[in-house]
Amino acid sequence: MLRNPVAIALYRLIHPDLGIRLATLSSRISRRHSVPEPHLADRVYREVAVPAFGAGHDVVVLGHLHLPTLREEGGKAMVILGDWLVSHTYLRVEESKLHLERFTS
């Protein structure tokens, strides 16, 4: 619905203050109802990381996938950062070692 040209045209007609509120609400609702695909990390590893490793990269870092993952195999690593709003995860690199951390206050 959000990518529908009619919806986009209608969205442009409303005041920006209301538009921001609608976008925020839509994002929150979407986050609550979206469940990551069970084998998403494996699929991303096969389809994104392995080709990157084949091209000579040692580390692949991905964002915007709400599934915090650190997978290291054979001296290569794939990191899916997760997200800051729900899982509060971030990547720490220390002495060439990768650590997927969770922020706690």
PDB file of N, CA and C in Angstrom:
ATOM      1  N   MET A   1       0.817  -1.188   0.000  1.00  0.00           N
ATOM      2  CA  MET A   1       0.000   0.000   0.000  1.00  0.00           C
ATOM      3  C   MET A   1       0.865   1.258   0.000  1.00  0.00           C
ATOM      4  N   LEU A   2       1.962   1.249   0.734  1.00  0.00           N
ATOM      5  CA  LEU A   2       2.779   2.453   0.857  1.00  0.00           C
ATOM      6  C   LEU A   2       3.515   2.818  -0.425  1.00  0.00           C
ATOM      7  N   ARG A   3       3.697   1.865  -1.314  1.00  0.00           N
ATOM      8  CA  ARG A   3       4.395   2.142  -2.573  1.00  0.00           C
ATOM      9  C   ARG A   3       3.429   2.376  -3.730  1.00  0.00           C
ATOM     10  N   ASN A   4       2.149   2.338  -3.436  1.00  0.00           N
ATOM     11  CA  ASN A   4       1.131   2.545  -4.453  1.00  0.00           C
ATOM     12  C   ASN A   4       1.160   4.002  -4.916  1.00  0.00           C
ATOM     13  N   PRO A   5       1.208   4.256  -6.225  1.00  0.00           N
ATOM     14  CA  PRO A   5       1.271   5.635  -6.730  1.00  0.00           C
ATOM     15  C   PRO A   5       0.113   6.520  -6.268  1.00  0.00           C
ATOM     16  N   VAL A   6      -1.083   5.956  -6.132  1.00  0.00           N
ATOM     17  CA  VAL A   6      -2.232   6.742  -5.671  1.00  0.00           C
ATOM     18  C   VAL A   6      -2.024   7.149  -4.210  1.00  0.00           C
ATOM     19  N   ALA A   7      -1.574   6.211  -3.380  1.00  0.00           N
ATOM     20  CA  ALA A   7      -1.323   6.517  -1.968  1.00  0.00           C
ATOM     21  C   ALA A   7      -0.240   7.585  -1.837  1.00  0.00           C
ATOM     22  N   ILE A   8       0.792   7.494  -2.655  1.00  0.00           N
ATOM     23  CA  ILE A   8       1.872   8.487  -2.621  1.00  0.00           C
ATOM     24  C   ILE A   8       1.343   9.863  -3.017  1.00  0.00           C
ATOM     25  N   ALA A   9       0.521   9.913  -4.065  1.00  0.00           N
ATOM     26  CA  ALA A   9      -0.054  11.196  -4.505  1.00  0.00           C
ATOM     27  C   ALA A   9      -0.931  11.802  -3.414  1.00  0.00           C
ATOM     28  N   LEU A  10      -1.734  10.981  -2.752  1.00  0.00           N
ATOM     29  CA  LEU A  10      -2.590  11.478  -1.667  1.00  0.00           C
ATOM     30  C   LEU A  10      -1.752  11.952  -0.477  1.00  0.00           C
ATOM     31  N   TYR A  11      -0.691  11.228  -0.176  1.00  0.00           N
ATOM     32  CA  TYR A  11       0.194  11.602   0.940  1.00  0.00           C
ATOM     33  C   TYR A  11       0.799  12.991   0.709  1.00  0.00           C
ATOM     34  N   ARG A  12       1.122  13.291  -0.527  1.00  0.00           N
ATOM     35  CA  ARG A  12       1.721  14.593  -0.862  1.00  0.00           C
ATOM     36  C   ARG A  12       0.750  15.754  -0.661  1.00  0.00           C
ATOM     37  N   LEU A  13      -0.540  15.456  -0.603  1.00  0.00           N
ATOM     38  CA  LEU A  13      -1.540  16.509  -0.452  1.00  0.00           C
ATOM     39  C   LEU A  13      -1.737  16.945   0.996  1.00  0.00           C
ATOM     40  N   ILE A  14      -1.278  16.159   1.959  1.00  0.00           N
ATOM     41  CA  ILE A  14      -1.515  16.509   3.361  1.00  0.00           C
ATOM     42  C   ILE A  14      -0.352  17.336   3.918  1.00  0.00           C
ATOM     43  N   HIS A  15      -0.606  18.025   5.004  1.00  0.00           N
ATOM     44  CA  HIS A  15       0.399  18.872   5.640  1.00  0.00           C
ATOM     45  C   HIS A  15       1.552  18.005   6.164  1.00  0.00           C
ATOM     46  N   PRO A  16       2.805  18.485   6.054  1.00  0.00           N
ATOM     47  CA  PRO A  16       3.963  17.699   6.504  1.00  0.00           C
ATOM     48  C   PRO A  16       3.886  17.244   7.968  1.00  0.00           C
ATOM     49  N   ASP A  17       3.336  18.072   8.859  1.00  0.00           N
ATOM     50  CA  ASP A  17       3.235  17.661  10.267  1.00  0.00           C
ATOM     51  C   ASP A  17       2.376  16.408  10.415  1.00  0.00           C
ATOM     52  N   LEU A  18       1.265  16.359   9.707  1.00  0.00           N
ATOM     53  CA  LEU A  18       0.401  15.183   9.738  1.00  0.00           C
ATOM     54  C   LEU A  18       1.073  14.008   9.021  1.00  0.00           C
ATOM     55  N   GLY A  19       1.764  14.307   7.932  1.00  0.00           N
ATOM     56  CA  GLY A  19       2.462  13.265   7.182  1.00  0.00           C
ATOM     57  C   GLY A  19       3.510  12.555   8.020  1.00  0.00           C
ATOM     58  N   ILE A  20       4.252  13.308   8.829  1.00  0.00           N
ATOM     59  CA  ILE A  20       5.272  12.713   9.698  1.00  0.00           C
ATOM     60  C   ILE A  20       4.605  11.811  10.737  1.00  0.00           C
ATOM     61  N   ARG A  21       3.499  12.258  11.299  1.00  0.00           N
ATOM     62  CA  ARG A  21       2.784  11.438  12.288  1.00  0.00           C
ATOM     63  C   ARG A  21       2.279  10.133  11.658  1.00  0.00           C
ATOM     64  N   LEU A  22       1.723  10.227  10.462  1.00  0.00           N
ATOM     65  CA  LEU A  22       1.239   9.029   9.774  1.00  0.00           C
ATOM     66  C   LEU A  22       2.385   8.070   9.445  1.00  0.00           C
ATOM     67  N   ALA A  23       3.507   8.616   8.988  1.00  0.00           N
ATOM     68  CA  ALA A  23       4.660   7.772   8.658  1.00  0.00           C
ATOM     69  C   ALA A  23       5.204   7.077   9.897  1.00  0.00           C
ATOM     70  N   THR A  24       5.271   7.793  11.007  1.00  0.00           N
ATOM     71  CA  THR A  24       5.760   7.203  12.254  1.00  0.00           C
ATOM     72  C   THR A  24       4.832   6.100  12.732  1.00  0.00           C
ATOM     73  N   LEU A  25       3.532   6.358  12.699  1.00  0.00           N
ATOM     74  CA  LEU A  25       2.553   5.354  13.102  1.00  0.00           C
ATOM     75  C   LEU A  25       2.640   4.116  12.209  1.00  0.00           C
ATOM     76  N   SER A  26       2.730   4.323  10.915  1.00  0.00           N
ATOM     77  CA  SER A  26       2.824   3.215   9.967  1.00  0.00           C
ATOM     78  C   SER A  26       4.077   2.386  10.229  1.00  0.00           C
ATOM     79  N   SER A  27       5.174   3.045  10.514  1.00  0.00           N
ATOM     80  CA  SER A  27       6.431   2.348  10.795  1.00  0.00           C
ATOM     81  C   SER A  27       6.327   1.507  12.060  1.00  0.00           C
ATOM     82  N   ARG A  28       5.726   2.063  13.104  1.00  0.00           N
ATOM     83  CA  ARG A  28       5.565   1.324  14.363  1.00  0.00           C
ATOM     84  C   ARG A  28       4.679   0.088  14.180  1.00  0.00           C
ATOM     85  N   ILE A  29       3.588   0.265  13.471  1.00  0.00           N
ATOM     86  CA  ILE A  29       2.680  -0.855  13.228  1.00  0.00           C
ATOM     87  C   ILE A  29       3.383  -1.932  12.406  1.00  0.00           C
ATOM     88  N   SER A  30       4.118  -1.518  11.396  1.00  0.00           N
ATOM     89  CA  SER A  30       4.840  -2.465  10.548  1.00  0.00           C
ATOM     90  C   SER A  30       5.861  -3.255  11.359  1.00  0.00           C
ATOM     91  N   ARG A  31       6.596  -2.574  12.238  1.00  0.00           N
ATOM     92  CA  ARG A  31       7.604  -3.243  13.069  1.00  0.00           C
ATOM     93  C   ARG A  31       6.982  -4.281  13.986  1.00  0.00           C
ATOM     94  N   ARG A  32       5.823  -3.973  14.534  1.00  0.00           N
ATOM     95  CA  ARG A  32       5.151  -4.896  15.453  1.00  0.00           C
ATOM     96  C   ARG A  32       4.685  -6.168  14.752  1.00  0.00           C
ATOM     97  N   HIS A  33       4.326  -6.044  13.483  1.00  0.00           N
ATOM     98  CA  HIS A  33       3.752  -7.179  12.770  1.00  0.00           C
ATOM     99  C   HIS A  33       4.727  -7.885  11.845  1.00  0.00           C
ATOM    100  N   SER A  34       5.937  -7.365  11.710  1.00  0.00           N
ATOM    101  CA  SER A  34       6.874  -8.025  10.815  1.00  0.00           C
ATOM    102  C   SER A  34       7.701  -9.037  11.594  1.00  0.00           C
ATOM    103  N   VAL A  35       7.741 -10.235  11.079  1.00  0.00           N
ATOM    104  CA  VAL A  35       8.513 -11.316  11.685  1.00  0.00           C
ATOM    105  C   VAL A  35       9.574 -11.710  10.676  1.00  0.00           C
ATOM    106  N   PRO A  36      10.861 -11.665  11.079  1.00  0.00           N
ATOM    107  CA  PRO A  36      11.901 -12.038  10.125  1.00  0.00           C
ATOM    108  C   PRO A  36      11.720 -13.480   9.641  1.00  0.00           C
ATOM    109  N   GLU A  37      11.998 -13.683   8.391  1.00  0.00           N
ATOM    110  CA  GLU A  37      11.979 -15.016   7.800  1.00  0.00           C
ATOM    111  C   GLU A  37      12.891 -15.923   8.627  1.00  0.00           C
ATOM    112  N   PRO A  38      12.452 -17.128   8.994  1.00  0.00           N
ATOM    113  CA  PRO A  38      13.221 -17.982   9.903  1.00  0.00           C
ATOM    114  C   PRO A  38      14.665 -18.241   9.465  1.00  0.00           C
ATOM    115  N   HIS A  39      14.879 -18.408   8.182  1.00  0.00           N
ATOM    116  CA  HIS A  39      16.228 -18.734   7.703  1.00  0.00           C
ATOM    117  C   HIS A  39      16.846 -17.567   6.938  1.00  0.00           C
ATOM    118  N   LEU A  40      16.449 -16.350   7.276  1.00  0.00           N
ATOM    119  CA  LEU A  40      16.927 -15.174   6.565  1.00  0.00           C
ATOM    120  C   LEU A  40      18.440 -15.042   6.643  1.00  0.00           C
ATOM    121  N   ALA A  41      19.025 -15.255   7.805  1.00  0.00           N
ATOM    122  CA  ALA A  41      20.477 -15.116   7.949  1.00  0.00           C
ATOM    123  C   ALA A  41      21.206 -16.112   7.056  1.00  0.00           C
ATOM    124  N   ASP A  42      20.709 -17.337   6.976  1.00  0.00           N
ATOM    125  CA  ASP A  42      21.337 -18.341   6.107  1.00  0.00           C
ATOM    126  C   ASP A  42      21.233 -17.936   4.639  1.00  0.00           C
ATOM    127  N   ARG A  43      20.073 -17.432   4.268  1.00  0.00           N
ATOM    128  CA  ARG A  43      19.862 -17.004   2.876  1.00  0.00           C
ATOM    129  C   ARG A  43      20.774 -15.827   2.517  1.00  0.00           C
ATOM    130  N   VAL A  44      20.861 -14.856   3.420  1.00  0.00           N
ATOM    131  CA  VAL A  44      21.731 -13.702   3.176  1.00  0.00           C
ATOM    132  C   VAL A  44      23.181 -14.149   3.097  1.00  0.00           C
ATOM    133  N   TYR A  45      23.559 -15.085   3.941  1.00  0.00           N
ATOM    134  CA  TYR A  45      24.935 -15.599   3.909  1.00  0.00           C
ATOM    135  C   TYR A  45      25.226 -16.208   2.528  1.00  0.00           C
ATOM    136  N   ARG A  46      24.327 -17.067   2.051  1.00  0.00           N
ATOM    137  CA  ARG A  46      24.525 -17.731   0.747  1.00  0.00           C
ATOM    138  C   ARG A  46      24.499 -16.739  -0.415  1.00  0.00           C
ATOM    139  N   GLU A  47      23.503 -15.828  -0.394  1.00  0.00           N
ATOM    140  CA  GLU A  47      23.273 -14.977  -1.562  1.00  0.00           C
ATOM    141  C   GLU A  47      24.084 -13.687  -1.580  1.00  0.00           C
ATOM    142  N   VAL A  48      24.539 -13.223  -0.416  1.00  0.00           N
ATOM    143  CA  VAL A  48      25.263 -11.956  -0.357  1.00  0.00           C
ATOM    144  C   VAL A  48      26.704 -12.157   0.114  1.00  0.00           C
ATOM    145  N   ALA A  49      26.877 -12.817   1.260  1.00  0.00           N
ATOM    146  CA  ALA A  49      28.214 -12.928   1.845  1.00  0.00           C
ATOM    147  C   ALA A  49      29.138 -13.830   1.031  1.00  0.00           C
ATOM    148  N   VAL A  50      28.669 -15.017   0.670  1.00  0.00           N
ATOM    149  CA  VAL A  50      29.539 -15.952  -0.062  1.00  0.00           C
ATOM    150  C   VAL A  50      30.060 -15.348  -1.363  1.00  0.00           C
ATOM    151  N   PRO A  51      29.212 -14.702  -2.180  1.00  0.00           N
ATOM    152  CA  PRO A  51      29.761 -14.048  -3.380  1.00  0.00           C
ATOM    153  C   PRO A  51      30.769 -12.934  -3.039  1.00  0.00           C
ATOM    154  N   ALA A  52      30.512 -12.203  -1.960  1.00  0.00           N
ATOM    155  CA  ALA A  52      31.455 -11.145  -1.561  1.00  0.00           C
ATOM    156  C   ALA A  52      32.783 -11.755  -1.114  1.00  0.00           C
ATOM    157  N   PHE A  53      32.723 -12.869  -0.395  1.00  0.00           N
ATOM    158  CA  PHE A  53      33.950 -13.555  -0.004  1.00  0.00           C
ATOM    159  C   PHE A  53      34.704 -14.019  -1.244  1.00  0.00           C
ATOM    160  N   GLY A  54      33.962 -14.541  -2.217  1.00  0.00           N
ATOM    161  CA  GLY A  54      34.569 -14.982  -3.471  1.00  0.00           C
ATOM    162  C   GLY A  54      35.237 -13.850  -4.232  1.00  0.00           C
ATOM    163  N   ALA A  55      34.751 -12.629  -4.026  1.00  0.00           N
ATOM    164  CA  ALA A  55      35.336 -11.451  -4.681  1.00  0.00           C
ATOM    165  C   ALA A  55      36.521 -10.891  -3.897  1.00  0.00           C
ATOM    166  N   GLY A  56      36.875 -11.572  -2.785  1.00  0.00           N
ATOM    167  CA  GLY A  56      38.059 -11.161  -2.041  1.00  0.00           C
ATOM    168  C   GLY A  56      37.815 -10.425  -0.737  1.00  0.00           C
ATOM    169  N   HIS A  57      36.575 -10.245  -0.334  1.00  0.00           N
ATOM    170  CA  HIS A  57      36.269  -9.560   0.921  1.00  0.00           C
ATOM    171  C   HIS A  57      36.320 -10.541   2.087  1.00  0.00           C
ATOM    172  N   ASP A  58      36.768 -10.058   3.227  1.00  0.00           N
ATOM    173  CA  ASP A  58      36.850 -10.900   4.421  1.00  0.00           C
ATOM    174  C   ASP A  58      35.663 -10.708   5.357  1.00  0.00           C
ATOM    175  N   VAL A  59      35.047  -9.526   5.299  1.00  0.00           N
ATOM    176  CA  VAL A  59      33.937  -9.207   6.197  1.00  0.00           C
ATOM    177  C   VAL A  59      32.818  -8.549   5.385  1.00  0.00           C
ATOM    178  N   VAL A  60      31.594  -8.973   5.654  1.00  0.00           N
ATOM    179  CA  VAL A  60      30.413  -8.370   5.043  1.00  0.00           C
ATOM    180  C   VAL A  60      29.538  -7.869   6.184  1.00  0.00           C
ATOM    181  N   VAL A  61      29.230  -6.573   6.156  1.00  0.00           N
ATOM    182  CA  VAL A  61      28.396  -5.973   7.195  1.00  0.00           C
ATOM    183  C   VAL A  61      27.127  -5.459   6.530  1.00  0.00           C
ATOM    184  N   LEU A  62      25.980  -5.899   7.064  1.00  0.00           N
ATOM    185  CA  LEU A  62      24.693  -5.505   6.501  1.00  0.00           C
ATOM    186  C   LEU A  62      23.851  -4.821   7.562  1.00  0.00           C
ATOM    187  N   GLY A  63      23.075  -3.866   7.142  1.00  0.00           N
ATOM    188  CA  GLY A  63      22.146  -3.194   8.040  1.00  0.00           C
ATOM    189  C   GLY A  63      20.729  -3.368   7.533  1.00  0.00           C
ATOM    190  N   HIS A  64      19.786  -2.880   8.278  1.00  0.00           N
ATOM    191  CA  HIS A  64      18.374  -2.807   7.952  1.00  0.00           C
ATOM    192  C   HIS A  64      17.651  -4.154   7.958  1.00  0.00           C
ATOM    193  N   LEU A  65      18.352  -5.203   8.276  1.00  0.00           N
ATOM    194  CA  LEU A  65      17.688  -6.497   8.459  1.00  0.00           C
ATOM    195  C   LEU A  65      17.546  -6.677   9.960  1.00  0.00           C
ATOM    196  N   HIS A  66      16.370  -6.790  10.447  1.00  0.00           N
ATOM    197  CA  HIS A  66      16.124  -6.777  11.884  1.00  0.00           C
ATOM    198  C   HIS A  66      16.364  -8.145  12.510  1.00  0.00           C
ATOM    199  N   LEU A  67      17.562  -8.658  12.277  1.00  0.00           N
ATOM    200  CA  LEU A  67      17.920  -9.991  12.746  1.00  0.00           C
ATOM    201  C   LEU A  67      19.402  -9.993  13.106  1.00  0.00           C
ATOM    202  N   PRO A  68      19.766  -9.531  14.312  1.00  0.00           N
ATOM    203  CA  PRO A  68      21.183  -9.432  14.673  1.00  0.00           C
ATOM    204  C   PRO A  68      21.886 -10.783  14.517  1.00  0.00           C
ATOM    205  N   THR A  69      22.963 -10.789  13.732  1.00  0.00           N
ATOM    206  CA  THR A  69      23.677 -12.026  13.450  1.00  0.00           C
ATOM    207  C   THR A  69      25.156 -11.751  13.297  1.00  0.00           C
ATOM    208  N   LEU A  70      25.978 -12.601  13.888  1.00  0.00           N
ATOM    209  CA  LEU A  70      27.417 -12.601  13.646  1.00  0.00           C
ATOM    210  C   LEU A  70      27.773 -14.036  13.293  1.00  0.00           C
ATOM    211  N   ARG A  71      28.181 -14.245  12.048  1.00  0.00           N
ATOM    212  CA  ARG A  71      28.523 -15.590  11.577  1.00  0.00           C
ATOM    213  C   ARG A  71      29.951 -15.561  11.056  1.00  0.00           C
ATOM    214  N   GLU A  72      30.811 -16.346  11.678  1.00  0.00           N
ATOM    215  CA  GLU A  72      32.219 -16.417  11.293  1.00  0.00           C
ATOM    216  C   GLU A  72      32.552 -17.852  10.883  1.00  0.00           C
ATOM    217  N   GLU A  73      33.111 -17.972   9.700  1.00  0.00           N
ATOM    218  CA  GLU A  73      33.502 -19.287   9.189  1.00  0.00           C
ATOM    219  C   GLU A  73      34.749 -19.142   8.334  1.00  0.00           C
ATOM    220  N   GLY A  74      35.727 -19.986   8.588  1.00  0.00           N
ATOM    221  CA  GLY A  74      36.924 -20.026   7.751  1.00  0.00           C
ATOM    222  C   GLY A  74      37.643 -18.702   7.610  1.00  0.00           C
ATOM    223  N   GLY A  75      37.692 -17.924   8.672  1.00  0.00           N
ATOM    224  CA  GLY A  75      38.382 -16.635   8.619  1.00  0.00           C
ATOM    225  C   GLY A  75      37.595 -15.521   7.956  1.00  0.00           C
ATOM    226  N   LYS A  76      36.363 -15.789   7.599  1.00  0.00           N
ATOM    227  CA  LYS A  76      35.483 -14.786   6.987  1.00  0.00           C
ATOM    228  C   LYS A  76      34.326 -14.530   7.951  1.00  0.00           C
ATOM    229  N   ALA A  77      33.716 -13.344   7.850  1.00  0.00           N
ATOM    230  CA  ALA A  77      32.628 -13.014   8.770  1.00  0.00           C
ATOM    231  C   ALA A  77      31.525 -12.247   8.058  1.00  0.00           C
ATOM    232  N   MET A  78      30.296 -12.559   8.459  1.00  0.00           N
ATOM    233  CA  MET A  78      29.126 -11.801   8.019  1.00  0.00           C
ATOM    234  C   MET A  78      28.451 -11.262   9.271  1.00  0.00           C
ATOM    235  N   VAL A  79      28.152  -9.973   9.248  1.00  0.00           N
ATOM    236  CA  VAL A  79      27.467  -9.335  10.370  1.00  0.00           C
ATOM    237  C   VAL A  79      26.186  -8.706   9.851  1.00  0.00           C
ATOM    238  N   ILE A  80      25.075  -9.050  10.498  1.00  0.00           N
ATOM    239  CA  ILE A  80      23.812  -8.345  10.267  1.00  0.00           C
ATOM    240  C   ILE A  80      23.591  -7.543  11.543  1.00  0.00           C
ATOM    241  N   LEU A  81      23.620  -6.229  11.426  1.00  0.00           N
ATOM    242  CA  LEU A  81      23.614  -5.359  12.597  1.00  0.00           C
ATOM    243  C   LEU A  81      22.337  -5.419  13.420  1.00  0.00           C
ATOM    244  N   GLY A  82      21.245  -5.833  12.847  1.00  0.00           N
ATOM    245  CA  GLY A  82      19.979  -5.801  13.578  1.00  0.00           C
ATOM    246  C   GLY A  82      19.398  -4.408  13.485  1.00  0.00           C
ATOM    247  N   ASP A  83      18.949  -3.881  14.595  1.00  0.00           N
ATOM    248  CA  ASP A  83      18.407  -2.528  14.580  1.00  0.00           C
ATOM    249  C   ASP A  83      18.590  -1.894  15.953  1.00  0.00           C
ATOM    250  N   TRP A  84      18.588  -0.603  15.965  1.00  0.00           N
ATOM    251  CA  TRP A  84      18.812   0.133  17.204  1.00  0.00           C
ATOM    252  C   TRP A  84      17.526   0.283  18.002  1.00  0.00           C
ATOM    253  N   LEU A  85      16.392   0.377  17.336  1.00  0.00           N
ATOM    254  CA  LEU A  85      15.138   0.688  18.019  1.00  0.00           C
ATOM    255  C   LEU A  85      14.579  -0.471  18.831  1.00  0.00           C
ATOM    256  N   VAL A  86      14.727  -1.692  18.365  1.00  0.00           N
ATOM    257  CA  VAL A  86      14.131  -2.836  19.046  1.00  0.00           C
ATOM    258  C   VAL A  86      15.183  -3.679  19.753  1.00  0.00           C
ATOM    259  N   SER A  87      16.193  -4.131  19.024  1.00  0.00           N
ATOM    260  CA  SER A  87      17.184  -5.025  19.635  1.00  0.00           C
ATOM    261  C   SER A  87      18.373  -4.281  20.232  1.00  0.00           C
ATOM    262  N   HIS A  88      18.541  -3.008  19.921  1.00  0.00           N
ATOM    263  CA  HIS A  88      19.612  -2.167  20.499  1.00  0.00           C
ATOM    264  C   HIS A  88      20.990  -2.765  20.250  1.00  0.00           C
ATOM    265  N   THR A  89      21.221  -3.286  19.043  1.00  0.00           N
ATOM    266  CA  THR A  89      22.490  -3.936  18.740  1.00  0.00           C
ATOM    267  C   THR A  89      23.399  -3.031  17.927  1.00  0.00           C
ATOM    268  N   TYR A  90      24.698  -3.271  18.097  1.00  0.00           N
ATOM    269  CA  TYR A  90      25.717  -2.529  17.367  1.00  0.00           C
ATOM    270  C   TYR A  90      26.951  -3.412  17.240  1.00  0.00           C
ATOM    271  N   LEU A  91      27.827  -3.051  16.320  1.00  0.00           N
ATOM    272  CA  LEU A  91      29.050  -3.810  16.094  1.00  0.00           C
ATOM    273  C   LEU A  91      30.224  -3.099  16.747  1.00  0.00           C
ATOM    274  N   ARG A  92      31.008  -3.857  17.505  1.00  0.00           N
ATOM    275  CA  ARG A  92      32.244  -3.339  18.093  1.00  0.00           C
ATOM    276  C   ARG A  92      33.396  -4.123  17.485  1.00  0.00           C
ATOM    277  N   VAL A  93      34.413  -3.403  16.998  1.00  0.00           N
ATOM    278  CA  VAL A  93      35.599  -4.033  16.438  1.00  0.00           C
ATOM    279  C   VAL A  93      36.761  -3.682  17.357  1.00  0.00           C
ATOM    280  N   GLU A  94      37.387  -4.716  17.882  1.00  0.00           N
ATOM    281  CA  GLU A  94      38.487  -4.495  18.812  1.00  0.00           C
ATOM    282  C   GLU A  94      39.599  -5.496  18.511  1.00  0.00           C
ATOM    283  N   GLU A  95      40.777  -4.969  18.231  1.00  0.00           N
ATOM    284  CA  GLU A  95      41.938  -5.800  17.910  1.00  0.00           C
ATOM    285  C   GLU A  95      41.595  -6.831  16.837  1.00  0.00           C
ATOM    286  N   SER A  96      40.991  -6.364  15.760  1.00  0.00           N
ATOM    287  CA  SER A  96      40.608  -7.190  14.607  1.00  0.00           C
ATOM    288  C   SER A  96      39.570  -8.259  14.922  1.00  0.00           C
ATOM    289  N   LYS A  97      38.915  -8.171  16.064  1.00  0.00           N
ATOM    290  CA  LYS A  97      37.852  -9.111  16.405  1.00  0.00           C
ATOM    291  C   LYS A  97      36.510  -8.392  16.371  1.00  0.00           C
ATOM    292  N   LEU A  98      35.497  -9.084  15.879  1.00  0.00           N
ATOM    293  CA  LEU A  98      34.157  -8.520  15.773  1.00  0.00           C
ATOM    294  C   LEU A  98      33.313  -8.973  16.949  1.00  0.00           C
ATOM    295  N   HIS A  99      32.553  -8.026  17.502  1.00  0.00           N
ATOM    296  CA  HIS A  99      31.663  -8.314  18.616  1.00  0.00           C
ATOM    297  C   HIS A  99      30.324  -7.662  18.331  1.00  0.00           C
ATOM    298  N   LEU A 100      29.281  -8.459  18.243  1.00  0.00           N
ATOM    299  CA  LEU A 100      27.933  -7.914  18.077  1.00  0.00           C
ATOM    300  C   LEU A 100      27.387  -7.699  19.490  1.00  0.00           C
ATOM    301  N   GLU A 101      27.212  -6.450  19.860  1.00  0.00           N
ATOM    302  CA  GLU A 101      26.861  -6.082  21.222  1.00  0.00           C
ATOM    303  C   GLU A 101      25.411  -5.604  21.302  1.00  0.00           C
ATOM    304  N   ARG A 102      24.858  -5.706  22.498  1.00  0.00           N
ATOM    305  CA  ARG A 102      23.525  -5.180  22.788  1.00  0.00           C
ATOM    306  C   ARG A 102      23.683  -4.057  23.816  1.00  0.00           C
ATOM    307  N   PHE A 103      23.180  -2.870  23.480  1.00  0.00           N
ATOM    308  CA  PHE A 103      23.286  -1.738  24.394  1.00  0.00           C
ATOM    309  C   PHE A 103      22.310  -1.901  25.554  1.00  0.00           C
ATOM    310  N   THR A 104      22.811  -1.717  26.742  1.00  0.00           N
ATOM    311  CA  THR A 104      21.950  -1.683  27.940  1.00  0.00           C
ATOM    312  C   THR A 104      22.283  -0.412  28.696  1.00  0.00           C
ATOM    313  N   SER A 105      21.272   0.246  29.182  1.00  0.00           N
ATOM    314  CA  SER A 105      21.497   1.523  29.873  1.00  0.00           C
ATOM    315  C   SER A 105      21.850   1.329  31.320  1.00  0.00           C
TER     316      SER A 105
END
